[in-house]
Amino acid sequence: GLESCWAQIRLRAHDETTSAEDYIRDLVGLPEGWKVACVIGIGYGDEHKEGHRREALPWDRLSRNRFD
């Protein structure tokens, strides 16, 4: 019954003076030089949302088993 939610951290602001990445780095004690790309929340969902339709996905921006 657990669900997850991915949230982008890169290039997000925490407040007017601190990036979300710096805030999380300080919160968890991550050393300088390490990057925080995202966080994944895990818990019991409060609501159910449908996923994106396959036709609406940006397939030209996806790579599989390789780096482009």
PDB file of N, CA and C in Angstrom:
ATOM      1  N   GLY A   1       0.797  -1.213   0.000  1.00  0.00           N
ATOM      2  CA  GLY A   1       0.000   0.000   0.000  1.00  0.00           C
ATOM      3  C   GLY A   1       0.833   1.267   0.000  1.00  0.00           C
ATOM      4  N   LEU A   2       2.169   1.146   0.029  1.00  0.00           N
ATOM      5  CA  LEU A   2       2.991   2.366   0.003  1.00  0.00           C
ATOM      6  C   LEU A   2       3.041   2.939  -1.406  1.00  0.00           C
ATOM      7  N   GLU A   3       3.168   4.232  -1.472  1.00  0.00           N
ATOM      8  CA  GLU A   3       3.315   4.940  -2.744  1.00  0.00           C
ATOM      9  C   GLU A   3       4.556   5.798  -2.677  1.00  0.00           C
ATOM     10  N   SER A   4       4.975   6.302  -3.826  1.00  0.00           N
ATOM     11  CA  SER A   4       6.155   7.162  -3.858  1.00  0.00           C
ATOM     12  C   SER A   4       5.881   8.377  -4.736  1.00  0.00           C
ATOM     13  N   CYS A   5       6.670   9.413  -4.485  1.00  0.00           N
ATOM     14  CA  CYS A   5       6.556  10.644  -5.278  1.00  0.00           C
ATOM     15  C   CYS A   5       7.959  11.199  -5.486  1.00  0.00           C
ATOM     16  N   TRP A   6       8.349  11.357  -6.731  1.00  0.00           N
ATOM     17  CA  TRP A   6       9.659  11.883  -7.101  1.00  0.00           C
ATOM     18  C   TRP A   6       9.539  13.403  -7.211  1.00  0.00           C
ATOM     19  N   ALA A   7      10.490  14.135  -6.654  1.00  0.00           N
ATOM     20  CA  ALA A   7      10.484  15.602  -6.745  1.00  0.00           C
ATOM     21  C   ALA A   7      11.864  16.084  -7.183  1.00  0.00           C
ATOM     22  N   GLN A   8      11.892  16.883  -8.237  1.00  0.00           N
ATOM     23  CA  GLN A   8      13.155  17.457  -8.715  1.00  0.00           C
ATOM     24  C   GLN A   8      13.655  18.487  -7.719  1.00  0.00           C
ATOM     25  N   ILE A   9      14.928  18.455  -7.431  1.00  0.00           N
ATOM     26  CA  ILE A   9      15.555  19.426  -6.537  1.00  0.00           C
ATOM     27  C   ILE A   9      16.466  20.363  -7.319  1.00  0.00           C
ATOM     28  N   ARG A  10      17.135  19.822  -8.323  1.00  0.00           N
ATOM     29  CA  ARG A  10      18.075  20.614  -9.122  1.00  0.00           C
ATOM     30  C   ARG A  10      17.391  21.849  -9.691  1.00  0.00           C
ATOM     31  N   LEU A  11      18.025  22.994  -9.532  1.00  0.00           N
ATOM     32  CA  LEU A  11      17.568  24.290 -10.056  1.00  0.00           C
ATOM     33  C   LEU A  11      16.295  24.805  -9.387  1.00  0.00           C
ATOM     34  N   ARG A  12      15.971  24.294  -8.193  1.00  0.00           N
ATOM     35  CA  ARG A  12      14.826  24.797  -7.439  1.00  0.00           C
ATOM     36  C   ARG A  12      15.311  25.646  -6.280  1.00  0.00           C
ATOM     37  N   ALA A  13      14.521  26.650  -5.935  1.00  0.00           N
ATOM     38  CA  ALA A  13      14.839  27.491  -4.782  1.00  0.00           C
ATOM     39  C   ALA A  13      14.112  26.978  -3.544  1.00  0.00           C
ATOM     40  N   HIS A  14      14.785  27.031  -2.417  1.00  0.00           N
ATOM     41  CA  HIS A  14      14.147  26.734  -1.133  1.00  0.00           C
ATOM     42  C   HIS A  14      13.483  28.002  -0.615  1.00  0.00           C
ATOM     43  N   ASP A  15      14.225  29.102  -0.676  1.00  0.00           N
ATOM     44  CA  ASP A  15      13.702  30.421  -0.339  1.00  0.00           C
ATOM     45  C   ASP A  15      14.462  31.459  -1.156  1.00  0.00           C
ATOM     46  N   GLU A  16      14.365  32.698  -0.792  1.00  0.00           N
ATOM     47  CA  GLU A  16      14.976  33.772  -1.591  1.00  0.00           C
ATOM     48  C   GLU A  16      16.499  33.711  -1.624  1.00  0.00           C
ATOM     49  N   THR A  17      17.111  33.079  -0.616  1.00  0.00           N
ATOM     50  CA  THR A  17      18.575  33.081  -0.537  1.00  0.00           C
ATOM     51  C   THR A  17      19.223  31.703  -0.617  1.00  0.00           C
ATOM     52  N   THR A  18      18.439  30.640  -0.534  1.00  0.00           N
ATOM     53  CA  THR A  18      18.995  29.290  -0.467  1.00  0.00           C
ATOM     54  C   THR A  18      18.387  28.396  -1.537  1.00  0.00           C
ATOM     55  N   SER A  19      19.232  27.656  -2.231  1.00  0.00           N
ATOM     56  CA  SER A  19      18.716  26.689  -3.198  1.00  0.00           C
ATOM     57  C   SER A  19      18.168  25.474  -2.452  1.00  0.00           C
ATOM     58  N   ALA A  20      17.250  24.762  -3.076  1.00  0.00           N
ATOM     59  CA  ALA A  20      16.718  23.537  -2.476  1.00  0.00           C
ATOM     60  C   ALA A  20      17.842  22.521  -2.275  1.00  0.00           C
ATOM     61  N   GLU A  21      18.774  22.478  -3.211  1.00  0.00           N
ATOM     62  CA  GLU A  21      19.896  21.548  -3.104  1.00  0.00           C
ATOM     63  C   GLU A  21      20.751  21.851  -1.876  1.00  0.00           C
ATOM     64  N   ASP A  22      21.093  23.121  -1.646  1.00  0.00           N
ATOM     65  CA  ASP A  22      21.889  23.492  -0.476  1.00  0.00           C
ATOM     66  C   ASP A  22      21.127  23.210   0.814  1.00  0.00           C
ATOM     67  N   TYR A  23      19.839  23.477   0.829  1.00  0.00           N
ATOM     68  CA  TYR A  23      19.018  23.232   2.017  1.00  0.00           C
ATOM     69  C   TYR A  23      19.048  21.747   2.381  1.00  0.00           C
ATOM     70  N   ILE A  24      18.840  20.877   1.403  1.00  0.00           N
ATOM     71  CA  ILE A  24      18.828  19.436   1.662  1.00  0.00           C
ATOM     72  C   ILE A  24      20.224  18.944   2.030  1.00  0.00           C
ATOM     73  N   ARG A  25      21.246  19.468   1.355  1.00  0.00           N
ATOM     74  CA  ARG A  25      22.625  19.081   1.680  1.00  0.00           C
ATOM     75  C   ARG A  25      22.918  19.373   3.151  1.00  0.00           C
ATOM     76  N   ASP A  26      22.521  20.561   3.625  1.00  0.00           N
ATOM     77  CA  ASP A  26      22.735  20.914   5.030  1.00  0.00           C
ATOM     78  C   ASP A  26      21.865  20.069   5.955  1.00  0.00           C
ATOM     79  N   LEU A  27      20.635  19.798   5.563  1.00  0.00           N
ATOM     80  CA  LEU A  27      19.697  19.044   6.382  1.00  0.00           C
ATOM     81  C   LEU A  27      20.194  17.637   6.684  1.00  0.00           C
ATOM     82  N   VAL A  28      20.757  16.984   5.680  1.00  0.00           N
ATOM     83  CA  VAL A  28      21.198  15.590   5.864  1.00  0.00           C
ATOM     84  C   VAL A  28      22.705  15.452   6.074  1.00  0.00           C
ATOM     85  N   GLY A  29      23.428  16.560   6.085  1.00  0.00           N
ATOM     86  CA  GLY A  29      24.867  16.512   6.324  1.00  0.00           C
ATOM     87  C   GLY A  29      25.666  15.990   5.152  1.00  0.00           C
ATOM     88  N   LEU A  30      25.213  16.247   3.943  1.00  0.00           N
ATOM     89  CA  LEU A  30      25.907  15.787   2.744  1.00  0.00           C
ATOM     90  C   LEU A  30      27.148  16.638   2.511  1.00  0.00           C
ATOM     91  N   PRO A  31      28.290  16.026   2.229  1.00  0.00           N
ATOM     92  CA  PRO A  31      29.525  16.795   2.027  1.00  0.00           C
ATOM     93  C   PRO A  31      29.454  17.684   0.778  1.00  0.00           C
ATOM     94  N   GLU A  32      30.225  18.753   0.813  1.00  0.00           N
ATOM     95  CA  GLU A  32      30.350  19.621  -0.365  1.00  0.00           C
ATOM     96  C   GLU A  32      30.833  18.790  -1.544  1.00  0.00           C
ATOM     97  N   GLY A  33      30.411  19.147  -2.728  1.00  0.00           N
ATOM     98  CA  GLY A  33      30.818  18.418  -3.918  1.00  0.00           C
ATOM     99  C   GLY A  33      29.813  17.357  -4.329  1.00  0.00           C
ATOM    100  N   TRP A  34      28.969  16.913  -3.408  1.00  0.00           N
ATOM    101  CA  TRP A  34      27.912  15.959  -3.745  1.00  0.00           C
ATOM    102  C   TRP A  34      26.708  16.740  -4.243  1.00  0.00           C
ATOM    103  N   LYS A  35      26.008  16.193  -5.202  1.00  0.00           N
ATOM    104  CA  LYS A  35      24.841  16.849  -5.783  1.00  0.00           C
ATOM    105  C   LYS A  35      23.555  16.155  -5.347  1.00  0.00           C
ATOM    106  N   VAL A  36      22.500  16.926  -5.208  1.00  0.00           N
ATOM    107  CA  VAL A  36      21.177  16.395  -4.907  1.00  0.00           C
ATOM    108  C   VAL A  36      20.309  16.657  -6.131  1.00  0.00           C
ATOM    109  N   ALA A  37      19.987  15.617  -6.870  1.00  0.00           N
ATOM    110  CA  ALA A  37      19.183  15.777  -8.081  1.00  0.00           C
ATOM    111  C   ALA A  37      17.695  15.715  -7.780  1.00  0.00           C
ATOM    112  N   CYS A  38      17.322  14.861  -6.822  1.00  0.00           N
ATOM    113  CA  CYS A  38      15.903  14.690  -6.522  1.00  0.00           C
ATOM    114  C   CYS A  38      15.745  14.103  -5.129  1.00  0.00           C
ATOM    115  N   VAL A  39      14.532  14.117  -4.645  1.00  0.00           N
ATOM    116  CA  VAL A  39      14.160  13.386  -3.438  1.00  0.00           C
ATOM    117  C   VAL A  39      12.963  12.518  -3.800  1.00  0.00           C
ATOM    118  N   ILE A  40      12.833  11.406  -3.116  1.00  0.00           N
ATOM    119  CA  ILE A  40      11.700  10.516  -3.340  1.00  0.00           C
ATOM    120  C   ILE A  40      10.995  10.325  -2.005  1.00  0.00           C
ATOM    121  N   GLY A  41       9.774  10.823  -1.941  1.00  0.00           N
ATOM    122  CA  GLY A  41       8.951  10.648  -0.750  1.00  0.00           C
ATOM    123  C   GLY A  41       8.247   9.300  -0.821  1.00  0.00           C
ATOM    124  N   ILE A  42       8.197   8.587   0.296  1.00  0.00           N
ATOM    125  CA  ILE A  42       7.534   7.285   0.351  1.00  0.00           C
ATOM    126  C   ILE A  42       6.572   7.297   1.535  1.00  0.00           C
ATOM    127  N   GLY A  43       5.339   6.879   1.286  1.00  0.00           N
ATOM    128  CA  GLY A  43       4.351   6.841   2.356  1.00  0.00           C
ATOM    129  C   GLY A  43       3.013   6.368   1.823  1.00  0.00           C
ATOM    130  N   TYR A  44       1.996   6.546   2.635  1.00  0.00           N
ATOM    131  CA  TYR A  44       0.647   6.169   2.245  1.00  0.00           C
ATOM    132  C   TYR A  44      -0.018   7.373   1.599  1.00  0.00           C
ATOM    133  N   GLY A  45      -0.467   7.211   0.369  1.00  0.00           N
ATOM    134  CA  GLY A  45      -1.035   8.316  -0.392  1.00  0.00           C
ATOM    135  C   GLY A  45      -2.347   8.825   0.170  1.00  0.00           C
ATOM    136  N   ASP A  46      -2.547  10.117   0.025  1.00  0.00           N
ATOM    137  CA  ASP A  46      -3.775  10.765   0.464  1.00  0.00           C
ATOM    138  C   ASP A  46      -4.793  10.819  -0.670  1.00  0.00           C
ATOM    139  N   GLU A  47      -4.288  10.746  -1.893  1.00  0.00           N
ATOM    140  CA  GLU A  47      -5.155  10.785  -3.070  1.00  0.00           C
ATOM    141  C   GLU A  47      -4.520   9.963  -4.179  1.00  0.00           C
ATOM    142  N   HIS A  48      -5.300   9.582  -5.161  1.00  0.00           N
ATOM    143  CA  HIS A  48      -4.781   8.818  -6.287  1.00  0.00           C
ATOM    144  C   HIS A  48      -4.850   9.676  -7.543  1.00  0.00           C
ATOM    145  N   LYS A  49      -3.729   9.787  -8.243  1.00  0.00           N
ATOM    146  CA  LYS A  49      -3.685  10.547  -9.493  1.00  0.00           C
ATOM    147  C   LYS A  49      -3.315   9.602 -10.618  1.00  0.00           C
ATOM    148  N   GLU A  50      -3.930   9.784 -11.735  1.00  0.00           N
ATOM    149  CA  GLU A  50      -3.624   8.981 -12.915  1.00  0.00           C
ATOM    150  C   GLU A  50      -2.273   9.407 -13.479  1.00  0.00           C
ATOM    151  N   GLY A  51      -1.562   8.453 -14.066  1.00  0.00           N
ATOM    152  CA  GLY A  51      -0.294   8.761 -14.716  1.00  0.00           C
ATOM    153  C   GLY A  51      -0.521   9.438 -16.062  1.00  0.00           C
ATOM    154  N   HIS A  52       0.558   9.856 -16.684  1.00  0.00           N
ATOM    155  CA  HIS A  52       0.475  10.476 -18.005  1.00  0.00           C
ATOM    156  C   HIS A  52       0.133   9.418 -19.057  1.00  0.00           C
ATOM    157  N   ARG A  53      -0.618   9.812 -20.048  1.00  0.00           N
ATOM    158  CA  ARG A  53      -0.904   8.911 -21.163  1.00  0.00           C
ATOM    159  C   ARG A  53       0.388   8.669 -21.937  1.00  0.00           C
ATOM    160  N   ARG A  54       0.576   7.453 -22.435  1.00  0.00           N
ATOM    161  CA  ARG A  54       1.797   7.114 -23.188  1.00  0.00           C
ATOM    162  C   ARG A  54       1.989   8.042 -24.379  1.00  0.00           C
ATOM    163  N   GLU A  55       0.901   8.424 -25.025  1.00  0.00           N
ATOM    164  CA  GLU A  55       0.998   9.297 -26.214  1.00  0.00           C
ATOM    165  C   GLU A  55       1.512  10.688 -25.844  1.00  0.00           C
ATOM    166  N   ALA A  56       1.341  11.101 -24.594  1.00  0.00           N
ATOM    167  CA  ALA A  56       1.737  12.445 -24.177  1.00  0.00           C
ATOM    168  C   ALA A  56       3.191  12.516 -23.700  1.00  0.00           C
ATOM    169  N   LEU A  57       3.853  11.363 -23.547  1.00  0.00           N
ATOM    170  CA  LEU A  57       5.234  11.368 -23.059  1.00  0.00           C
ATOM    171  C   LEU A  57       6.200  11.883 -24.127  1.00  0.00           C
ATOM    172  N   PRO A  58       7.248  12.625 -23.720  1.00  0.00           N
ATOM    173  CA  PRO A  58       8.220  13.174 -24.669  1.00  0.00           C
ATOM    174  C   PRO A  58       9.247  12.121 -25.081  1.00  0.00           C
ATOM    175  N   TRP A  59       8.842  11.192 -25.925  1.00  0.00           N
ATOM    176  CA  TRP A  59       9.703  10.072 -26.299  1.00  0.00           C
ATOM    177  C   TRP A  59      11.015  10.523 -26.930  1.00  0.00           C
ATOM    178  N   ASP A  60      11.044  11.673 -27.566  1.00  0.00           N
ATOM    179  CA  ASP A  60      12.276  12.159 -28.180  1.00  0.00           C
ATOM    180  C   ASP A  60      13.306  12.594 -27.119  1.00  0.00           C
ATOM    181  N   ARG A  61      12.895  12.724 -25.870  1.00  0.00           N
ATOM    182  CA  ARG A  61      13.797  13.122 -24.803  1.00  0.00           C
ATOM    183  C   ARG A  61      14.200  11.958 -23.908  1.00  0.00           C
ATOM    184  N   LEU A  62      13.767  10.754 -24.242  1.00  0.00           N
ATOM    185  CA  LEU A  62      14.078   9.578 -23.435  1.00  0.00           C
ATOM    186  C   LEU A  62      15.126   8.719 -24.113  1.00  0.00           C
ATOM    187  N   SER A  63      16.002   8.137 -23.308  1.00  0.00           N
ATOM    188  CA  SER A  63      17.010   7.204 -23.817  1.00  0.00           C
ATOM    189  C   SER A  63      16.868   5.905 -23.036  1.00  0.00           C
ATOM    190  N   ARG A  64      17.192   4.818 -23.674  1.00  0.00           N
ATOM    191  CA  ARG A  64      17.093   3.530 -23.010  1.00  0.00           C
ATOM    192  C   ARG A  64      18.413   2.770 -23.174  1.00  0.00           C
ATOM    193  N   ASN A  65      19.012   2.418 -22.043  1.00  0.00           N
ATOM    194  CA  ASN A  65      20.246   1.636 -22.026  1.00  0.00           C
ATOM    195  C   ASN A  65      21.418   2.320 -22.726  1.00  0.00           C
ATOM    196  N   ARG A  66      21.426   3.647 -22.714  1.00  0.00           N
ATOM    197  CA  ARG A  66      22.548   4.379 -23.300  1.00  0.00           C
ATOM    198  C   ARG A  66      22.456   5.848 -22.839  1.00  0.00           C
ATOM    199  N   PHE A  67      23.545   6.532 -22.960  1.00  0.00           N
ATOM    200  CA  PHE A  67      23.602   7.945 -22.613  1.00  0.00           C
ATOM    201  C   PHE A  67      23.637   8.746 -23.901  1.00  0.00           C
ATOM    202  N   ASP A  68      22.707   9.657 -24.053  1.00  0.00           N
ATOM    203  CA  ASP A  68      22.667  10.526 -25.250  1.00  0.00           C
ATOM    204  C   ASP A  68      23.012  11.948 -24.890  1.00  0.00           C
TER     205      ASP A  68
END
